[in-house]
C-alpha atoms as a PDB file:
ATOM      1  CA  MET A   1      12.008 -21.010   4.046  1.00  0.00           C
ATOM      2  CA  ALA A   2       8.320 -21.501   3.618  1.00  0.00           C
ATOM      3  CA  SER A   3       6.636 -20.996   0.246  1.00  0.00           C
ATOM      4  CA  ALA A   4       5.563 -17.558  -0.966  1.00  0.00           C
ATOM      5  CA  PHE A   5       1.976 -18.834  -1.013  1.00  0.00           C
ATOM      6  CA  THR A   6       2.115 -19.555   2.690  1.00  0.00           C
ATOM      7  CA  HIS A   7       3.697 -16.231   3.610  1.00  0.00           C
ATOM      8  CA  ALA A   8       0.941 -14.438   1.676  1.00  0.00           C
ATOM      9  CA  ALA A   9      -1.781 -16.540   3.318  1.00  0.00           C
ATOM     10  CA  ALA A  10      -0.492 -15.637   6.777  1.00  0.00           C
ATOM     11  CA  ALA A  11      -0.566 -11.926   5.906  1.00  0.00           C
ATOM     12  CA  LEU A  12      -4.088 -12.135   4.519  1.00  0.00           C
ATOM     13  CA  ALA A  13      -5.254 -13.797   7.732  1.00  0.00           C
ATOM     14  CA  LEU A  14      -3.571 -11.047   9.774  1.00  0.00           C
ATOM     15  CA  GLY A  15      -5.320  -8.491   7.600  1.00  0.00           C
ATOM     16  CA  THR A  16      -8.714  -9.608   8.879  1.00  0.00           C
ATOM     17  CA  ALA A  17      -7.714  -8.351  12.337  1.00  0.00           C
ATOM     18  CA  PHE A  18      -6.865  -4.893  10.968  1.00  0.00           C
ATOM     19  CA  ARG A  19      -9.343  -4.357   8.203  1.00  0.00           C
ATOM     20  CA  ARG A  20     -12.189  -1.941   8.424  1.00  0.00           C
ATOM     21  CA  PRO A  21     -15.250  -2.117   6.183  1.00  0.00           C
ATOM     22  CA  GLY A  22     -14.355  -1.659   2.554  1.00  0.00           C
ATOM     23  CA  PRO A  23     -10.534  -1.697   2.580  1.00  0.00           C
ATOM     24  CA  PRO A  24      -9.137  -1.029  -0.867  1.00  0.00           C
ATOM     25  CA  ALA A  25      -7.673  -3.934  -2.816  1.00  0.00           C
ATOM     26  CA  ARG A  26      -4.187  -2.484  -2.286  1.00  0.00           C
ATOM     27  CA  PHE A  27      -4.525  -3.226   1.456  1.00  0.00           C
ATOM     28  CA  TRP A  28      -4.710  -6.961   0.695  1.00  0.00           C
ATOM     29  CA  VAL A  29      -2.250  -6.986  -2.215  1.00  0.00           C
ATOM     30  CA  LEU A  30       0.395  -4.977  -0.353  1.00  0.00           C
ATOM     31  CA  GLY A  31      -0.034  -7.123   2.773  1.00  0.00           C
ATOM     32  CA  ALA A  32       0.603 -10.295   0.763  1.00  0.00           C
ATOM     33  CA  LEU A  33       3.560  -8.691  -1.024  1.00  0.00           C
ATOM     34  CA  CYS A  34       5.097  -7.483   2.249  1.00  0.00           C
ATOM     35  CA  ALA A  35       4.880 -11.012   3.619  1.00  0.00           C
ATOM     36  CA  ALA A  36       6.576 -12.578   0.584  1.00  0.00           C
ATOM     37  CA  LEU A  37       9.108  -9.814  -0.173  1.00  0.00           C
ATOM     38  CA  PRO A  38      11.822 -10.822   2.340  1.00  0.00           C
ATOM     39  CA  ASP A  39      12.749 -13.754   0.095  1.00  0.00           C
ATOM     40  CA  VAL A  40      14.009 -11.275  -2.506  1.00  0.00           C
ATOM     41  CA  ASP A  41      17.338 -11.847  -0.751  1.00  0.00           C
ATOM     42  CA  SER A  42      17.571 -15.283  -2.367  1.00  0.00           C
ATOM     43  CA  ILE A  43      18.852 -13.484  -5.482  1.00  0.00           C
ATOM     44  CA  GLY A  44      22.074 -13.240  -3.502  1.00  0.00           C
ATOM     45  CA  PHE A  45      22.763 -16.901  -4.281  1.00  0.00           C
ATOM     46  CA  ALA A  46      23.118 -16.028  -7.982  1.00  0.00           C
ATOM     47  CA  LEU A  47      25.246 -12.985  -7.133  1.00  0.00           C
ATOM     48  CA  GLY A  48      27.652 -14.940  -4.929  1.00  0.00           C
ATOM     49  CA  VAL A  49      26.515 -13.448  -1.611  1.00  0.00           C
ATOM     50  CA  PRO A  50      27.283 -16.013   1.121  1.00  0.00           C
ATOM     51  CA  TYR A  51      24.222 -17.406   2.874  1.00  0.00           C
ATOM     52  CA  ASP A  52      25.439 -16.283   6.304  1.00  0.00           C
ATOM     53  CA  HIS A  53      26.239 -12.703   5.175  1.00  0.00           C
ATOM     54  CA  VAL A  54      23.948  -9.958   6.485  1.00  0.00           C
ATOM     55  CA  LEU A  55      22.704  -9.524   2.898  1.00  0.00           C
ATOM     56  CA  GLY A  56      22.436 -13.289   2.377  1.00  0.00           C
ATOM     57  CA  HIS A  57      19.289 -15.368   2.518  1.00  0.00           C
ATOM     58  CA  ARG A  58      17.335 -14.911   5.758  1.00  0.00           C
ATOM     59  CA  GLY A  59      19.529 -11.929   6.592  1.00  0.00           C
ATOM     60  CA  LEU A  60      18.600  -8.247   6.598  1.00  0.00           C
ATOM     61  CA  THR A  61      15.345  -8.604   4.662  1.00  0.00           C
ATOM     62  CA  HIS A  62      14.071 -11.042   7.298  1.00  0.00           C
ATOM     63  CA  SER A  63      14.834  -8.674  10.197  1.00  0.00           C
ATOM     64  CA  ILE A  64      12.567  -6.710  12.482  1.00  0.00           C
ATOM     65  CA  ALA A  65      14.228  -3.474  11.315  1.00  0.00           C
ATOM     66  CA  PHE A  66      13.448  -4.286   7.671  1.00  0.00           C
ATOM     67  CA  ALA A  67       9.821  -5.056   8.576  1.00  0.00           C
ATOM     68  CA  ALA A  68       9.494  -1.684  10.335  1.00  0.00           C
ATOM     69  CA  LEU A  69      11.059   0.271   7.465  1.00  0.00           C
ATOM     70  CA  LEU A  70       9.090  -1.532   4.769  1.00  0.00           C
ATOM     71  CA  ALA A  71       5.834  -0.956   6.644  1.00  0.00           C
ATOM     72  CA  ALA A  72       6.622   2.752   6.982  1.00  0.00           C
ATOM     73  CA  GLY A  73       7.436   2.989   3.271  1.00  0.00           C
ATOM     74  CA  VAL A  74       4.268   1.191   2.207  1.00  0.00           C
ATOM     75  CA  VAL A  75       2.072   3.407   4.367  1.00  0.00           C
ATOM     76  CA  ALA A  76       3.848   6.588   3.232  1.00  0.00           C
ATOM     77  CA  VAL A  77       3.496   5.734  -0.456  1.00  0.00           C
ATOM     78  CA  ALA A  78       0.225   3.809  -0.723  1.00  0.00           C
ATOM     79  CA  PHE A  79      -1.822   5.509   2.014  1.00  0.00           C
ATOM     80  CA  ARG A  80      -0.631   9.106   1.886  1.00  0.00           C
ATOM     81  CA  GLY A  81      -3.967  10.876   1.403  1.00  0.00           C
ATOM     82  CA  GLY A  82      -5.549  12.837   4.228  1.00  0.00           C
ATOM     83  CA  GLU A  83      -8.372  10.309   4.528  1.00  0.00           C
ATOM     84  CA  TRP A  84      -5.808   7.782   5.835  1.00  0.00           C
ATOM     85  CA  ARG A  85      -4.315  10.041   8.542  1.00  0.00           C
ATOM     86  CA  ALA A  86      -6.235   8.441  11.439  1.00  0.00           C
ATOM     87  CA  ALA A  87      -5.568   4.906  10.172  1.00  0.00           C
ATOM     88  CA  ARG A  88      -1.833   5.161   9.458  1.00  0.00           C
ATOM     89  CA  GLY A  89      -0.733   3.679  12.788  1.00  0.00           C
ATOM     90  CA  ARG A  90      -3.033   0.680  12.337  1.00  0.00           C
ATOM     91  CA  LEU A  91      -1.914   0.286   8.726  1.00  0.00           C
ATOM     92  CA  TRP A  92       1.761   0.457   9.739  1.00  0.00           C
ATOM     93  CA  LEU A  93       1.179  -2.225  12.388  1.00  0.00           C
ATOM     94  CA  PHE A  94      -0.508  -4.518   9.869  1.00  0.00           C
ATOM     95  CA  PHE A  95       2.234  -4.155   7.245  1.00  0.00           C
ATOM     96  CA  PHE A  96       4.921  -4.536   9.935  1.00  0.00           C
ATOM     97  CA  LEU A  97       3.355  -7.753  11.259  1.00  0.00           C
ATOM     98  CA  ALA A  98       2.768  -9.074   7.732  1.00  0.00           C
ATOM     99  CA  THR A  99       6.451  -8.565   6.900  1.00  0.00           C
ATOM    100  CA  ALA A 100       7.745  -9.782  10.279  1.00  0.00           C
ATOM    101  CA  SER A 101       5.574 -12.909  10.024  1.00  0.00           C
ATOM    102  CA  HIS A 102       7.897 -14.033   7.226  1.00  0.00           C
ATOM    103  CA  GLY A 103      10.862 -14.387   9.565  1.00  0.00           C
ATOM    104  CA  LEU A 104       8.769 -16.047  12.266  1.00  0.00           C
ATOM    105  CA  ILE A 105       7.444 -18.650   9.851  1.00  0.00           C
ATOM    106  CA  ASP A 106      10.923 -19.281   8.421  1.00  0.00           C
ATOM    107  CA  ALA A 107      12.252 -19.704  11.967  1.00  0.00           C
ATOM    108  CA  MET A 108       9.817 -22.610  12.375  1.00  0.00           C
ATOM    109  CA  THR A 109      11.153 -24.527   9.367  1.00  0.00           C
ATOM    110  CA  THR A 110      13.360 -27.600   9.439  1.00  0.00           C
ATOM    111  CA  GLY A 111      16.201 -26.184   7.326  1.00  0.00           C
ATOM    112  CA  GLY A 112      18.473 -23.283   6.575  1.00  0.00           C
ATOM    113  CA  LEU A 113      20.764 -21.337   8.848  1.00  0.00           C
ATOM    114  CA  GLY A 114      18.157 -19.513  10.901  1.00  0.00           C
ATOM    115  CA  VAL A 115      16.841 -15.953  10.685  1.00  0.00           C
ATOM    116  CA  ALA A 116      18.782 -12.744  11.383  1.00  0.00           C
ATOM    117  CA  PHE A 117      15.964 -11.083  13.320  1.00  0.00           C
ATOM    118  CA  PHE A 118      18.247  -8.343  14.655  1.00  0.00           C
ATOM    119  CA  ALA A 119      20.162  -7.442  11.471  1.00  0.00           C
ATOM    120  CA  PRO A 120      21.802  -5.058  10.689  1.00  0.00           C
ATOM    121  CA  PHE A 121      22.731  -4.585  14.349  1.00  0.00           C
ATOM    122  CA  GLU A 122      23.538  -8.244  14.972  1.00  0.00           C
ATOM    123  CA  ASN A 123      23.772 -10.996  12.342  1.00  0.00           C
ATOM    124  CA  GLY A 124      23.167 -14.011  14.596  1.00  0.00           C
ATOM    125  CA  ARG A 125      20.777 -16.517  13.050  1.00  0.00           C
ATOM    126  CA  TYR A 126      17.934 -17.896  15.128  1.00  0.00           C
ATOM    127  CA  PHE A 127      15.307 -20.599  14.957  1.00  0.00           C
ATOM    128  CA  LEU A 128      12.302 -20.939  17.216  1.00  0.00           C
ATOM    129  CA  PRO A 129      12.471 -23.896  19.605  1.00  0.00           C
ATOM    130  CA  TRP A 130       9.553 -25.527  17.768  1.00  0.00           C
ATOM    131  CA  ARG A 131      10.238 -26.248  14.081  1.00  0.00           C
ATOM    132  CA  PRO A 132       7.423 -28.331  12.559  1.00  0.00           C
ATOM    133  CA  ILE A 133       7.321 -26.788   9.048  1.00  0.00           C
ATOM    134  CA  VAL A 134       9.136 -28.695   6.307  1.00  0.00           C
ATOM    135  CA  VAL A 135      11.577 -26.298   4.620  1.00  0.00           C
ATOM    136  CA  SER A 136      10.667 -25.356   1.055  1.00  0.00           C
ATOM    137  CA  PRO A 137      13.150 -25.673  -1.801  1.00  0.00           C
ATOM    138  CA  ILE A 138      14.315 -22.287  -3.080  1.00  0.00           C
ATOM    139  CA  SER A 139      14.180 -23.386  -6.712  1.00  0.00           C
ATOM    140  CA  VAL A 140      10.769 -23.009  -8.353  1.00  0.00           C
ATOM    141  CA  ARG A 141      11.475 -26.115 -10.444  1.00  0.00           C
ATOM    142  CA  ARG A 142      12.162 -28.211  -7.325  1.00  0.00           C
ATOM    143  CA  PHE A 143       9.069 -26.811  -5.608  1.00  0.00           C
ATOM    144  CA  PHE A 144       6.764 -28.462  -8.147  1.00  0.00           C
ATOM    145  CA  THR A 145       7.904 -31.986  -7.258  1.00  0.00           C
ATOM    146  CA  GLU A 146       6.980 -34.599  -4.692  1.00  0.00           C
ATOM    147  CA  ARG A 147       9.072 -32.665  -2.161  1.00  0.00           C
ATOM    148  CA  GLY A 148       7.045 -29.521  -2.875  1.00  0.00           C
ATOM    149  CA  ALA A 149       3.847 -31.461  -2.226  1.00  0.00           C
ATOM    150  CA  ALA A 150       5.233 -32.524   1.172  1.00  0.00           C
ATOM    151  CA  VAL A 151       6.114 -28.896   1.911  1.00  0.00           C
ATOM    152  CA  LEU A 152       2.604 -27.717   1.028  1.00  0.00           C
ATOM    153  CA  ALA A 153       1.050 -30.437   3.201  1.00  0.00           C
ATOM    154  CA  SER A 154       3.215 -29.302   6.118  1.00  0.00           C
ATOM    155  CA  GLU A 155       2.407 -25.628   5.510  1.00  0.00           C
ATOM    156  CA  LEU A 156      -1.325 -26.370   5.269  1.00  0.00           C
ATOM    157  CA  ARG A 157      -1.208 -28.044   8.660  1.00  0.00           C
ATOM    158  CA  TRP A 158       1.039 -25.614  10.521  1.00  0.00           C
ATOM    159  CA  VAL A 159       0.267 -22.257   8.873  1.00  0.00           C
ATOM    160  CA  TRP A 160      -2.810 -22.293   6.654  1.00  0.00           C
ATOM    161  CA  LEU A 161      -5.168 -23.957   9.160  1.00  0.00           C
ATOM    162  CA  PRO A 162      -4.175 -21.676  12.057  1.00  0.00           C
ATOM    163  CA  ALA A 163      -4.357 -18.682   9.672  1.00  0.00           C
ATOM    164  CA  ALA A 164      -7.862 -19.707   8.589  1.00  0.00           C
ATOM    165  CA  ALA A 165      -8.866 -20.065  12.251  1.00  0.00           C
ATOM    166  CA  LEU A 166      -7.508 -16.578  12.992  1.00  0.00           C
ATOM    167  CA  ALA A 167      -9.339 -15.081  10.014  1.00  0.00           C
ATOM    168  CA  ALA A 168     -12.608 -16.824  10.925  1.00  0.00           C
ATOM    169  CA  THR A 169     -12.313 -15.679  14.545  1.00  0.00           C
ATOM    170  CA  CYS A 170     -11.658 -12.068  13.508  1.00  0.00           C
ATOM    171  CA  LEU A 171     -14.545 -12.065  11.040  1.00  0.00           C
ATOM    172  CA  LEU A 172     -16.896 -13.651  13.572  1.00  0.00           C
ATOM    173  CA  ALA A 173     -15.857 -11.199  16.302  1.00  0.00           C
ATOM    174  CA  ARG A 174     -16.473  -8.297  13.961  1.00  0.00           C
ATOM    175  CA  ARG A 175     -19.866  -9.658  12.984  1.00  0.00           C
ATOM    176  CA  THR A 176     -21.016 -10.178  16.595  1.00  0.00           C
ATOM    177  CA  ARG A 177     -19.695  -6.834  17.872  1.00  0.00           C
ATOM    178  CA  PRO A 178     -22.472  -4.258  18.296  1.00  0.00           C
ATOM    179  CA  ALA A 179     -22.396  -1.281  15.940  1.00  0.00           C
ATOM    180  CA  PRO A 180     -20.944   1.911  17.495  1.00  0.00           C
ATOM    181  CA  ALA A 181     -23.443   4.488  18.743  1.00  0.00           C
ATOM    182  CA  GLY A 182     -24.794   6.660  15.952  1.00  0.00           C
ATOM    183  CA  ARG A 183     -24.050   4.075  13.308  1.00  0.00           C
ATOM    184  CA  LEU A 184     -26.105   1.338  11.786  1.00  0.00           C
ATOM    185  CA  GLY A 185     -24.268  -1.379   9.904  1.00  0.00           C
ATOM    186  CA  GLY A 186     -21.270   0.884   9.413  1.00  0.00           C
ATOM    187  CA  VAL A 187     -23.308   3.612   7.674  1.00  0.00           C
ATOM    188  CA  ARG A 188     -23.967   6.941   9.395  1.00  0.00           C
ATOM    189  CA  ARG A 189     -27.618   7.749   9.904  1.00  0.00           C
END
C-alpha cells in the first residue's frame, strides 16, 4: 500500500481536472477521503480477516465496484441540492476516479498480495506490470521510521511529482482557455 498522504495527493490533483470555479471545500475534502478510505479494510488484520479474503486488505474496498458505489453515495449525500443536478455526473466521475486511484497506486507498489479490482465478482489479486513504488508499512509507528522516509521519497518521485504536473497542466489549461460566450472571467454580464 501507499501512504494515505499520497492517496489524498493523487485525488487532489485529479480534482483540478474536474473543478469549476469556486468548488466548496467539501469537494476537496471528500475527494481526499475517498482516495484514502479503501485502506479502512486494514482493520481486518486486528479482526482476524485473512489478507486474501474478499474483505481482507486490498480486497473489496479496493475494487472498481466499491469505487462506483462510494462515488454514488458521496454525490447523493453531499451534493443533493438542485443546484448540483447538472454537475452530478462530473462529480460522480471525480469521486469514482479518486477512489479507484487508490487501487491503481497500490497495484504499483513492491509488496502485498495485489489488488482485487473485480471484487466481489472475482477475488483475484493483481499488480500492474510496472511496480516502482516502495510499499508502505501498515503500522503508523513503523511509518515514522527510516523505512517510512524511503517510502515517502519513492512516493514523491512516482506519485506526487506526476500529480503536481497533472494539476499544473489542468490549471494552466483552464487559465489559457477563452471564457465562454456571454461570460467574462466566469461572471455573467
